[in-house]
Amino acid sequence: YFGHLLSGLFLLGAYIFIKESRNYFLAGFLVGLAFLTEYTTAIAGPIWLFLIFYNTRNFKKAIVFCLGVFPAVLFILYYNRITTGNMFDLLYNHAALAAFSEMKEQLGFRLPKIEAMWGVLFSSYRGMFFYAPVFFLIAYYFIKKMFQYKWKSITNNYLLLFAMIYLLVNSSYYMWWGGWSFGPRHLTPVAMLLLFEGIIYLSKNKFPKIIFLTLAIGGILLAWSGKATRIYMMPDDPSRFSNPLTSLILPDFAQHKFNANTLPVILLDVKPQTSVYLWLFLFALCIALLNKWYQNLISRN
């Protein structure tokens, strides 16, 4: 998961630089770092390059973006050269295990599958909406206003086109479910961007806060329960574990099987059960303190 989170962080930074400060060089540089961290995020490069030029009609800004990406391109060519002997031959073409043999052909990509799209979006097995239910609220308000958008609004949106293409690409991967995984781990980078923009979008709409809190807290508790028990390593057998929550996580809670690989257990020798609930308390405390800090900033301004 570290690679997915780091690539998502780089992409989020690039997205903010494009959208807010129009710093196209740093945006390109961060896209390059995201690509080095997770190669599928390279999709953002040509999409955002096209949108930058389409929206600005300025070759210079497009070239500046490309110059930002260029160091990462040089690095990956060098890396391939010293590892595989060919600048254009990726390590993914040399997977040793039989389970990853399909990666040797088109890096494991085929035509997109409806089953995969449903699986990574809505299924209890790996669905993004299942593991982050606040997406239902975001999608509701987006669809509600979708018909009000004009073409210019879509082309000005650097996230929408990227998210749709990223979903299609991941739905064409031979192992779209991500192996032993908690949720759709391959969608982590785009999910981070969608949550970032989605929360901002929701803040502009009026609705009962209890709805948002219920969905957000539900997703956080689900993520915490996976961290507290299986450390997000959910078996990839949909015939037996189509719903990891009911088939794995809740039974572990009932049997008091908690994650012992935590700092309080290792350093302070506390019980795993105490450690996982301590994390939940500290998380809630941090959110409360951040909210108080934010309120103080608002009152000063």
C-alpha atoms as a PDB file:
ATOM      1  CA  TYR A   1       0.000   0.000   0.000  1.00  0.00           C
ATOM      2  CA  PHE A   2       2.901   2.389   0.540  1.00  0.00           C
ATOM      3  CA  GLY A   3       3.543   2.722  -3.199  1.00  0.00           C
ATOM      4  CA  HIS A   4      -0.114   3.464  -3.943  1.00  0.00           C
ATOM      5  CA  LEU A   5      -0.362   6.086  -1.188  1.00  0.00           C
ATOM      6  CA  LEU A   6       2.895   7.764  -2.210  1.00  0.00           C
ATOM      7  CA  SER A   7       1.936   7.877  -5.889  1.00  0.00           C
ATOM      8  CA  GLY A   8      -1.452   9.284  -4.872  1.00  0.00           C
ATOM      9  CA  LEU A   9       0.264  11.962  -2.795  1.00  0.00           C
ATOM     10  CA  PHE A  10       2.460  12.960  -5.754  1.00  0.00           C
ATOM     11  CA  LEU A  11      -0.559  13.050  -8.087  1.00  0.00           C
ATOM     12  CA  LEU A  12      -2.558  15.120  -5.616  1.00  0.00           C
ATOM     13  CA  GLY A  13       0.289  17.620  -5.408  1.00  0.00           C
ATOM     14  CA  ALA A  14       0.497  17.783  -9.203  1.00  0.00           C
ATOM     15  CA  TYR A  15      -3.266  18.279  -9.465  1.00  0.00           C
ATOM     16  CA  ILE A  16      -3.175  21.153  -6.956  1.00  0.00           C
ATOM     17  CA  PHE A  17      -0.262  22.808  -8.762  1.00  0.00           C
ATOM     18  CA  ILE A  18      -2.168  22.645 -12.069  1.00  0.00           C
ATOM     19  CA  LYS A  19      -5.514  23.742 -10.675  1.00  0.00           C
ATOM     20  CA  GLU A  20      -4.521  26.348  -8.095  1.00  0.00           C
ATOM     21  CA  SER A  21      -1.105  27.857  -8.846  1.00  0.00           C
ATOM     22  CA  ARG A  22      -0.658  26.988 -12.539  1.00  0.00           C
ATOM     23  CA  ASN A  23       2.878  25.841 -11.745  1.00  0.00           C
ATOM     24  CA  TYR A  24       3.177  23.439 -14.654  1.00  0.00           C
ATOM     25  CA  PHE A  25       6.838  22.529 -14.108  1.00  0.00           C
ATOM     26  CA  LEU A  26       6.295  21.305 -10.546  1.00  0.00           C
ATOM     27  CA  ALA A  27       3.090  19.606 -11.645  1.00  0.00           C
ATOM     28  CA  GLY A  28       5.002  17.709 -14.328  1.00  0.00           C
ATOM     29  CA  PHE A  29       7.803  16.886 -11.899  1.00  0.00           C
ATOM     30  CA  LEU A  30       5.325  15.377  -9.416  1.00  0.00           C
ATOM     31  CA  VAL A  31       3.574  13.413 -12.175  1.00  0.00           C
ATOM     32  CA  GLY A  32       6.993  11.987 -13.028  1.00  0.00           C
ATOM     33  CA  LEU A  33       7.574  10.983  -9.394  1.00  0.00           C
ATOM     34  CA  ALA A  34       4.120   9.374  -9.297  1.00  0.00           C
ATOM     35  CA  PHE A  35       5.029   7.379 -12.416  1.00  0.00           C
ATOM     36  CA  LEU A  36       8.286   6.186 -10.830  1.00  0.00           C
ATOM     37  CA  THR A  37       6.275   5.069  -7.797  1.00  0.00           C
ATOM     38  CA  GLU A  38       3.413   3.402  -9.702  1.00  0.00           C
ATOM     39  CA  TYR A  39       3.649   3.109 -13.471  1.00  0.00           C
ATOM     40  CA  THR A  40      -0.114   3.243 -14.197  1.00  0.00           C
ATOM     41  CA  THR A  41      -0.214   6.834 -12.940  1.00  0.00           C
ATOM     42  CA  ALA A  42       1.730   7.755 -16.089  1.00  0.00           C
ATOM     43  CA  ILE A  43      -1.746   8.053 -17.652  1.00  0.00           C
ATOM     44  CA  ALA A  44      -2.012  11.465 -16.012  1.00  0.00           C
ATOM     45  CA  GLY A  45       0.917  12.760 -18.083  1.00  0.00           C
ATOM     46  CA  PRO A  46      -0.603  12.791 -21.594  1.00  0.00           C
ATOM     47  CA  ILE A  47      -4.119  13.601 -20.316  1.00  0.00           C
ATOM     48  CA  TRP A  48      -3.045  16.649 -18.332  1.00  0.00           C
ATOM     49  CA  LEU A  49      -0.622  17.716 -21.069  1.00  0.00           C
ATOM     50  CA  PHE A  50      -3.517  17.719 -23.563  1.00  0.00           C
ATOM     51  CA  LEU A  51      -5.813  19.622 -21.175  1.00  0.00           C
ATOM     52  CA  ILE A  52      -3.129  22.186 -20.337  1.00  0.00           C
ATOM     53  CA  PHE A  53      -2.639  22.971 -24.009  1.00  0.00           C
ATOM     54  CA  TYR A  54      -6.370  22.787 -24.823  1.00  0.00           C
ATOM     55  CA  ASN A  55      -7.288  25.200 -22.026  1.00  0.00           C
ATOM     56  CA  THR A  56      -4.391  27.634 -22.402  1.00  0.00           C
ATOM     57  CA  ARG A  57      -3.610  27.331 -26.133  1.00  0.00           C
ATOM     58  CA  ASN A  58      -0.049  27.960 -25.031  1.00  0.00           C
ATOM     59  CA  PHE A  59       2.759  25.710 -26.307  1.00  0.00           C
ATOM     60  CA  LYS A  60       5.166  27.156 -23.756  1.00  0.00           C
ATOM     61  CA  LYS A  61       3.096  25.977 -20.796  1.00  0.00           C
ATOM     62  CA  ALA A  62       2.752  22.510 -22.326  1.00  0.00           C
ATOM     63  CA  ILE A  63       6.526  22.349 -22.875  1.00  0.00           C
ATOM     64  CA  VAL A  64       7.175  23.479 -19.289  1.00  0.00           C
ATOM     65  CA  PHE A  65       4.980  20.602 -18.073  1.00  0.00           C
ATOM     66  CA  CYS A  66       6.968  18.168 -20.244  1.00  0.00           C
ATOM     67  CA  LEU A  67      10.250  19.519 -18.857  1.00  0.00           C
ATOM     68  CA  GLY A  68       8.986  18.737 -15.365  1.00  0.00           C
ATOM     69  CA  VAL A  69       8.274  15.123 -16.352  1.00  0.00           C
ATOM     70  CA  PHE A  70      11.591  14.728 -18.212  1.00  0.00           C
ATOM     71  CA  PRO A  71      13.834  13.859 -15.183  1.00  0.00           C
ATOM     72  CA  ALA A  72      11.591  10.901 -14.332  1.00  0.00           C
ATOM     73  CA  VAL A  73      11.709   9.687 -17.940  1.00  0.00           C
ATOM     74  CA  LEU A  74      15.514   9.834 -17.918  1.00  0.00           C
ATOM     75  CA  PHE A  75      15.624   8.005 -14.603  1.00  0.00           C
ATOM     76  CA  ILE A  76      13.338   5.151 -15.713  1.00  0.00           C
ATOM     77  CA  LEU A  77      15.334   4.705 -18.935  1.00  0.00           C
ATOM     78  CA  TYR A  78      18.541   4.512 -16.911  1.00  0.00           C
ATOM     79  CA  TYR A  79      16.930   2.190 -14.359  1.00  0.00           C
ATOM     80  CA  ASN A  80      15.704  -0.161 -17.088  1.00  0.00           C
ATOM     81  CA  ARG A  81      19.145  -0.111 -18.712  1.00  0.00           C
ATOM     82  CA  ILE A  82      20.998  -1.214 -15.578  1.00  0.00           C
ATOM     83  CA  THR A  83      18.396  -3.833 -14.554  1.00  0.00           C
ATOM     84  CA  THR A  84      17.174  -5.435 -17.796  1.00  0.00           C
ATOM     85  CA  GLY A  85      19.861  -4.313 -20.237  1.00  0.00           C
ATOM     86  CA  ASN A  86      17.348  -2.439 -22.396  1.00  0.00           C
ATOM     87  CA  MET A  87      16.111   1.096 -21.734  1.00  0.00           C
ATOM     88  CA  PHE A  88      12.617   0.181 -22.953  1.00  0.00           C
ATOM     89  CA  ASP A  89      12.331  -3.216 -21.249  1.00  0.00           C
ATOM     90  CA  LEU A  90      10.514  -2.974 -17.906  1.00  0.00           C
ATOM     91  CA  LEU A  91      11.111  -5.304 -14.983  1.00  0.00           C
ATOM     92  CA  TYR A  92       7.444  -6.279 -15.168  1.00  0.00           C
ATOM     93  CA  ASN A  93       8.327  -8.259 -18.298  1.00  0.00           C
ATOM     94  CA  HIS A  94      10.553 -10.520 -16.210  1.00  0.00           C
ATOM     95  CA  ALA A  95       8.248 -11.617 -13.371  1.00  0.00           C
ATOM     96  CA  ALA A  96       9.516 -14.994 -12.142  1.00  0.00           C
ATOM     97  CA  LEU A  97       6.420 -16.375 -10.411  1.00  0.00           C
ATOM     98  CA  ALA A  98       3.869 -18.222 -12.552  1.00  0.00           C
ATOM     99  CA  ALA A  99       1.036 -16.198 -10.976  1.00  0.00           C
ATOM    100  CA  PHE A 100       2.437 -13.075 -12.661  1.00  0.00           C
ATOM    101  CA  SER A 101       3.242 -14.613 -16.021  1.00  0.00           C
ATOM    102  CA  GLU A 102       0.446 -12.654 -17.724  1.00  0.00           C
ATOM    103  CA  MET A 103       2.335  -9.457 -16.990  1.00  0.00           C
ATOM    104  CA  LYS A 104       4.841 -10.445 -19.684  1.00  0.00           C
ATOM    105  CA  GLU A 105       2.244  -9.683 -22.374  1.00  0.00           C
ATOM    106  CA  GLN A 106       1.174  -6.016 -22.643  1.00  0.00           C
ATOM    107  CA  LEU A 107       2.115  -5.692 -18.948  1.00  0.00           C
ATOM    108  CA  GLY A 108      -1.000  -7.719 -18.112  1.00  0.00           C
ATOM    109  CA  PHE A 109      -3.527  -5.397 -19.753  1.00  0.00           C
ATOM    110  CA  ARG A 110      -6.412  -6.598 -21.908  1.00  0.00           C
ATOM    111  CA  LEU A 111      -9.743  -5.078 -22.956  1.00  0.00           C
ATOM    112  CA  PRO A 112     -11.805  -3.536 -20.113  1.00  0.00           C
ATOM    113  CA  LYS A 113     -14.341  -5.868 -18.494  1.00  0.00           C
ATOM    114  CA  ILE A 114     -17.760  -4.927 -17.122  1.00  0.00           C
ATOM    115  CA  GLU A 115     -17.198  -7.418 -14.311  1.00  0.00           C
ATOM    116  CA  ALA A 116     -13.994  -5.632 -13.334  1.00  0.00           C
ATOM    117  CA  MET A 117     -15.634  -2.183 -13.442  1.00  0.00           C
ATOM    118  CA  TRP A 118     -18.416  -3.380 -11.164  1.00  0.00           C
ATOM    119  CA  GLY A 119     -15.920  -5.160  -8.928  1.00  0.00           C
ATOM    120  CA  VAL A 120     -13.661  -2.156  -8.318  1.00  0.00           C
ATOM    121  CA  LEU A 121     -16.546   0.298  -7.961  1.00  0.00           C
ATOM    122  CA  PHE A 122     -19.477  -1.313  -6.156  1.00  0.00           C
ATOM    123  CA  SER A 123     -18.825  -4.904  -5.054  1.00  0.00           C
ATOM    124  CA  SER A 124     -18.345  -5.780  -1.386  1.00  0.00           C
ATOM    125  CA  TYR A 125     -15.299  -7.728  -2.555  1.00  0.00           C
ATOM    126  CA  ARG A 126     -13.199  -4.746  -3.749  1.00  0.00           C
ATOM    127  CA  GLY A 127     -15.610  -1.897  -4.489  1.00  0.00           C
ATOM    128  CA  MET A 128     -14.461   1.691  -3.929  1.00  0.00           C
ATOM    129  CA  PHE A 129     -18.006   2.784  -3.015  1.00  0.00           C
ATOM    130  CA  PHE A 130     -18.259  -0.062  -0.480  1.00  0.00           C
ATOM    131  CA  TYR A 131     -14.990   0.768   1.258  1.00  0.00           C
ATOM    132  CA  ALA A 132     -15.472   4.548   1.067  1.00  0.00           C
ATOM    133  CA  PRO A 133     -19.282   4.993   1.187  1.00  0.00           C
ATOM    134  CA  VAL A 134     -18.999   8.801   1.200  1.00  0.00           C
ATOM    135  CA  PHE A 135     -18.542   8.397  -2.568  1.00  0.00           C
ATOM    136  CA  PHE A 136     -22.294   7.689  -2.768  1.00  0.00           C
ATOM    137  CA  LEU A 137     -23.012  11.193  -1.488  1.00  0.00           C
ATOM    138  CA  ILE A 138     -20.423  12.752  -3.804  1.00  0.00           C
ATOM    139  CA  ALA A 139     -21.807  10.834  -6.794  1.00  0.00           C
ATOM    140  CA  TYR A 140     -25.389  11.810  -5.949  1.00  0.00           C
ATOM    141  CA  TYR A 141     -24.690  15.545  -6.078  1.00  0.00           C
ATOM    142  CA  PHE A 142     -22.409  15.204  -9.074  1.00  0.00           C
ATOM    143  CA  ILE A 143     -25.030  13.291 -11.104  1.00  0.00           C
ATOM    144  CA  LYS A 144     -27.727  15.713  -9.933  1.00  0.00           C
ATOM    145  CA  LYS A 145     -25.843  18.620 -11.503  1.00  0.00           C
ATOM    146  CA  MET A 146     -24.150  16.732 -14.313  1.00  0.00           C
ATOM    147  CA  PHE A 147     -26.639  17.850 -16.965  1.00  0.00           C
ATOM    148  CA  GLN A 148     -25.945  21.474 -16.101  1.00  0.00           C
ATOM    149  CA  TYR A 149     -22.320  21.170 -17.135  1.00  0.00           C
ATOM    150  CA  LYS A 150     -21.206  22.434 -20.503  1.00  0.00           C
ATOM    151  CA  TRP A 151     -18.341  21.004 -22.558  1.00  0.00           C
ATOM    152  CA  LYS A 152     -16.032  23.789 -21.360  1.00  0.00           C
ATOM    153  CA  SER A 153     -16.709  22.810 -17.756  1.00  0.00           C
ATOM    154  CA  ILE A 154     -15.620  19.246 -18.520  1.00  0.00           C
ATOM    155  CA  THR A 155     -12.435  20.228 -20.338  1.00  0.00           C
ATOM    156  CA  ASN A 156     -11.541  22.614 -17.515  1.00  0.00           C
ATOM    157  CA  ASN A 157     -11.804  19.696 -15.085  1.00  0.00           C
ATOM    158  CA  TYR A 158      -8.400  18.024 -14.824  1.00  0.00           C
ATOM    159  CA  LEU A 159      -9.774  15.202 -12.673  1.00  0.00           C
ATOM    160  CA  LEU A 160     -12.876  13.871 -14.432  1.00  0.00           C
ATOM    161  CA  LEU A 161     -11.265  12.703 -17.684  1.00  0.00           C
ATOM    162  CA  PHE A 162      -8.258  11.274 -15.856  1.00  0.00           C
ATOM    163  CA  ALA A 163     -10.450   9.366 -13.376  1.00  0.00           C
ATOM    164  CA  MET A 164     -12.583   7.794 -16.127  1.00  0.00           C
ATOM    165  CA  ILE A 165      -9.587   6.669 -18.180  1.00  0.00           C
ATOM    166  CA  TYR A 166      -7.772   5.416 -15.085  1.00  0.00           C
ATOM    167  CA  LEU A 167     -10.819   3.308 -14.216  1.00  0.00           C
ATOM    168  CA  LEU A 168     -10.966   1.862 -17.728  1.00  0.00           C
ATOM    169  CA  VAL A 169      -7.277   0.994 -17.670  1.00  0.00           C
ATOM    170  CA  ASN A 170      -7.486  -0.710 -14.280  1.00  0.00           C
ATOM    171  CA  SER A 171     -10.602  -2.579 -15.411  1.00  0.00           C
ATOM    172  CA  SER A 172      -8.539  -4.065 -18.226  1.00  0.00           C
ATOM    173  CA  TYR A 173      -5.804  -5.398 -15.936  1.00  0.00           C
ATOM    174  CA  TYR A 174      -5.697  -9.191 -15.665  1.00  0.00           C
ATOM    175  CA  MET A 175      -5.568  -8.998 -11.840  1.00  0.00           C
ATOM    176  CA  TRP A 176      -7.986  -6.094 -11.417  1.00  0.00           C
ATOM    177  CA  TRP A 177      -8.847  -7.113  -7.839  1.00  0.00           C
ATOM    178  CA  GLY A 178      -5.243  -6.487  -6.735  1.00  0.00           C
ATOM    179  CA  GLY A 179      -4.449  -9.862  -5.194  1.00  0.00           C
ATOM    180  CA  TRP A 180      -4.468  -9.978  -1.400  1.00  0.00           C
ATOM    181  CA  SER A 181      -5.937  -6.577  -0.827  1.00  0.00           C
ATOM    182  CA  PHE A 182      -8.265  -4.467   1.276  1.00  0.00           C
ATOM    183  CA  GLY A 183     -10.501  -2.689  -1.225  1.00  0.00           C
ATOM    184  CA  PRO A 184      -9.489  -1.687  -4.757  1.00  0.00           C
ATOM    185  CA  ARG A 185      -5.832  -0.957  -4.031  1.00  0.00           C
ATOM    186  CA  HIS A 186      -5.039  -0.187  -7.684  1.00  0.00           C
ATOM    187  CA  LEU A 187      -7.526   2.705  -7.530  1.00  0.00           C
ATOM    188  CA  THR A 188      -5.901   4.248  -4.438  1.00  0.00           C
ATOM    189  CA  PRO A 189      -4.238   7.185  -6.284  1.00  0.00           C
ATOM    190  CA  VAL A 190      -7.379   8.254  -8.146  1.00  0.00           C
ATOM    191  CA  ALA A 191      -9.545   7.646  -5.051  1.00  0.00           C
ATOM    192  CA  MET A 192      -7.355  10.107  -3.126  1.00  0.00           C
ATOM    193  CA  LEU A 193      -7.888  12.783  -5.788  1.00  0.00           C
ATOM    194  CA  LEU A 194     -11.618  12.113  -5.972  1.00  0.00           C
ATOM    195  CA  LEU A 195     -12.009  12.346  -2.193  1.00  0.00           C
ATOM    196  CA  PHE A 196     -10.008  15.578  -2.099  1.00  0.00           C
ATOM    197  CA  GLU A 197     -12.140  17.222  -4.795  1.00  0.00           C
ATOM    198  CA  GLY A 198     -15.316  15.504  -3.640  1.00  0.00           C
ATOM    199  CA  ILE A 199     -15.128  16.920  -0.113  1.00  0.00           C
ATOM    200  CA  ILE A 200     -14.625  20.414  -1.523  1.00  0.00           C
ATOM    201  CA  TYR A 201     -17.588  19.854  -3.846  1.00  0.00           C
ATOM    202  CA  LEU A 202     -19.820  18.640  -0.997  1.00  0.00           C
ATOM    203  CA  SER A 203     -18.962  21.711   1.076  1.00  0.00           C
ATOM    204  CA  LYS A 204     -20.732  23.816  -1.565  1.00  0.00           C
ATOM    205  CA  ASN A 205     -23.996  21.888  -1.192  1.00  0.00           C
ATOM    206  CA  LYS A 206     -26.536  21.981   1.613  1.00  0.00           C
ATOM    207  CA  PHE A 207     -27.612  18.676   3.155  1.00  0.00           C
ATOM    208  CA  PRO A 208     -27.960  17.185   6.663  1.00  0.00           C
ATOM    209  CA  LYS A 209     -24.463  16.796   8.128  1.00  0.00           C
ATOM    210  CA  ILE A 210     -25.500  13.555   9.779  1.00  0.00           C
ATOM    211  CA  ILE A 211     -25.572  11.907   6.341  1.00  0.00           C
ATOM    212  CA  PHE A 212     -21.994  12.924   5.594  1.00  0.00           C
ATOM    213  CA  LEU A 213     -20.765  11.996   9.086  1.00  0.00           C
ATOM    214  CA  THR A 214     -22.445   8.586   8.957  1.00  0.00           C
ATOM    215  CA  LEU A 215     -20.925   7.697   5.584  1.00  0.00           C
ATOM    216  CA  ALA A 216     -17.487   9.129   6.385  1.00  0.00           C
ATOM    217  CA  ILE A 217     -17.254   7.509   9.826  1.00  0.00           C
ATOM    218  CA  GLY A 218     -18.512   4.223   8.369  1.00  0.00           C
ATOM    219  CA  GLY A 219     -15.673   4.183   5.844  1.00  0.00           C
ATOM    220  CA  ILE A 220     -13.090   5.141   8.466  1.00  0.00           C
ATOM    221  CA  LEU A 221     -14.279   2.392  10.816  1.00  0.00           C
ATOM    222  CA  LEU A 222     -14.170  -0.149   8.001  1.00  0.00           C
ATOM    223  CA  ALA A 223     -10.588   0.854   7.144  1.00  0.00           C
ATOM    224  CA  TRP A 224      -9.661   0.740  10.830  1.00  0.00           C
ATOM    225  CA  SER A 225     -11.192  -2.725  11.248  1.00  0.00           C
ATOM    226  CA  GLY A 226      -9.052  -4.023   8.385  1.00  0.00           C
ATOM    227  CA  LYS A 227      -5.966  -2.422   9.955  1.00  0.00           C
ATOM    228  CA  ALA A 228      -6.880  -3.798  13.390  1.00  0.00           C
ATOM    229  CA  THR A 229      -7.194  -7.410  12.225  1.00  0.00           C
ATOM    230  CA  ARG A 230      -5.794  -8.574   8.870  1.00  0.00           C
ATOM    231  CA  ILE A 231      -3.536  -5.526   8.249  1.00  0.00           C
ATOM    232  CA  TYR A 232      -5.406  -5.035   4.943  1.00  0.00           C
ATOM    233  CA  MET A 233      -4.243  -8.448   3.630  1.00  0.00           C
ATOM    234  CA  MET A 234      -7.546  -9.921   2.482  1.00  0.00           C
ATOM    235  CA  PRO A 235      -7.414 -13.211   0.530  1.00  0.00           C
ATOM    236  CA  ASP A 236      -8.228 -12.952  -3.173  1.00  0.00           C
ATOM    237  CA  ASP A 237     -10.727 -15.831  -3.329  1.00  0.00           C
ATOM    238  CA  PRO A 238     -14.157 -14.317  -4.161  1.00  0.00           C
ATOM    239  CA  SER A 239     -15.843 -17.725  -3.887  1.00  0.00           C
ATOM    240  CA  ARG A 240     -15.028 -17.776  -0.151  1.00  0.00           C
ATOM    241  CA  PHE A 241     -14.403 -14.144   0.768  1.00  0.00           C
ATOM    242  CA  SER A 242     -16.734 -12.084  -1.411  1.00  0.00           C
ATOM    243  CA  ASN A 243     -17.417  -9.829   1.583  1.00  0.00           C
ATOM    244  CA  PRO A 244     -14.249  -9.518   3.717  1.00  0.00           C
ATOM    245  CA  LEU A 245     -16.156  -7.600   6.389  1.00  0.00           C
ATOM    246  CA  THR A 246     -18.549 -10.431   7.223  1.00  0.00           C
ATOM    247  CA  SER A 247     -16.340 -13.386   6.310  1.00  0.00           C
ATOM    248  CA  LEU A 248     -13.023 -12.247   7.811  1.00  0.00           C
ATOM    249  CA  ILE A 249     -12.997  -9.013   9.806  1.00  0.00           C
ATOM    250  CA  LEU A 250     -16.061  -9.455  12.042  1.00  0.00           C
ATOM    251  CA  PRO A 251     -15.138 -13.084  12.899  1.00  0.00           C
ATOM    252  CA  ASP A 252     -11.651 -11.877  13.885  1.00  0.00           C
ATOM    253  CA  PHE A 253     -13.203  -9.263  16.182  1.00  0.00           C
ATOM    254  CA  ALA A 254     -15.452 -11.908  17.720  1.00  0.00           C
ATOM    255  CA  GLN A 255     -12.422 -14.141  18.376  1.00  0.00           C
ATOM    256  CA  HIS A 256     -10.252 -11.212  19.589  1.00  0.00           C
ATOM    257  CA  LYS A 257      -7.687 -11.725  16.834  1.00  0.00           C
ATOM    258  CA  PHE A 258      -6.049  -8.309  16.594  1.00  0.00           C
ATOM    259  CA  ASN A 259      -3.016  -6.967  14.773  1.00  0.00           C
ATOM    260  CA  ALA A 260       0.059  -7.264  17.011  1.00  0.00           C
ATOM    261  CA  ASN A 261       2.385  -5.522  14.545  1.00  0.00           C
ATOM    262  CA  THR A 262       2.004  -2.056  16.090  1.00  0.00           C
ATOM    263  CA  LEU A 263       4.389   0.271  17.913  1.00  0.00           C
ATOM    264  CA  PRO A 264       2.563   0.166  21.291  1.00  0.00           C
ATOM    265  CA  VAL A 265       2.778  -3.645  21.260  1.00  0.00           C
ATOM    266  CA  ILE A 266       6.419  -3.712  20.155  1.00  0.00           C
ATOM    267  CA  LEU A 267       7.744  -0.865  22.306  1.00  0.00           C
ATOM    268  CA  LEU A 268       5.412  -0.845  25.321  1.00  0.00           C
ATOM    269  CA  ASP A 269       4.342  -4.499  25.382  1.00  0.00           C
ATOM    270  CA  VAL A 270       0.644  -3.636  25.585  1.00  0.00           C
ATOM    271  CA  LYS A 271      -2.038  -6.006  24.373  1.00  0.00           C
ATOM    272  CA  PRO A 272      -2.895  -5.891  20.652  1.00  0.00           C
ATOM    273  CA  GLN A 273      -6.526  -5.180  21.512  1.00  0.00           C
ATOM    274  CA  THR A 274      -5.493  -2.142  23.590  1.00  0.00           C
ATOM    275  CA  SER A 275      -3.225  -0.917  20.804  1.00  0.00           C
ATOM    276  CA  VAL A 276      -5.841  -0.978  18.044  1.00  0.00           C
ATOM    277  CA  TYR A 277      -8.405   0.861  20.163  1.00  0.00           C
ATOM    278  CA  LEU A 278      -5.740   3.365  21.224  1.00  0.00           C
ATOM    279  CA  TRP A 279      -5.148   4.148  17.536  1.00  0.00           C
ATOM    280  CA  LEU A 280      -8.855   4.855  17.098  1.00  0.00           C
ATOM    281  CA  PHE A 281      -8.856   7.193  20.112  1.00  0.00           C
ATOM    282  CA  LEU A 282      -5.752   9.062  18.889  1.00  0.00           C
ATOM    283  CA  PHE A 283      -7.219   9.388  15.395  1.00  0.00           C
ATOM    284  CA  ALA A 284     -10.439  10.913  16.766  1.00  0.00           C
ATOM    285  CA  LEU A 285      -8.394  13.233  19.002  1.00  0.00           C
ATOM    286  CA  CYS A 286      -6.290  14.435  16.051  1.00  0.00           C
ATOM    287  CA  ILE A 287      -9.420  15.152  14.009  1.00  0.00           C
ATOM    288  CA  ALA A 288     -10.919  17.140  16.902  1.00  0.00           C
ATOM    289  CA  LEU A 289      -7.709  19.175  17.343  1.00  0.00           C
ATOM    290  CA  LEU A 290      -7.405  19.856  13.609  1.00  0.00           C
ATOM    291  CA  ASN A 291     -11.024  20.977  13.523  1.00  0.00           C
ATOM    292  CA  LYS A 292     -10.438  23.339  16.472  1.00  0.00           C
ATOM    293  CA  TRP A 293      -7.328  24.741  14.760  1.00  0.00           C
ATOM    294  CA  TYR A 294      -9.305  25.267  11.553  1.00  0.00           C
ATOM    295  CA  GLN A 295     -12.116  27.040  13.410  1.00  0.00           C
ATOM    296  CA  ASN A 296      -9.568  29.349  15.034  1.00  0.00           C
ATOM    297  CA  LEU A 297      -8.094  30.196  11.622  1.00  0.00           C
ATOM    298  CA  ILE A 298     -11.569  30.951  10.261  1.00  0.00           C
ATOM    299  CA  SER A 299     -12.432  33.217  13.207  1.00  0.00           C
ATOM    300  CA  ARG A 300      -9.205  35.203  12.726  1.00  0.00           C
ATOM    301  CA  ASN A 301      -9.973  35.808   9.074  1.00  0.00           C
END
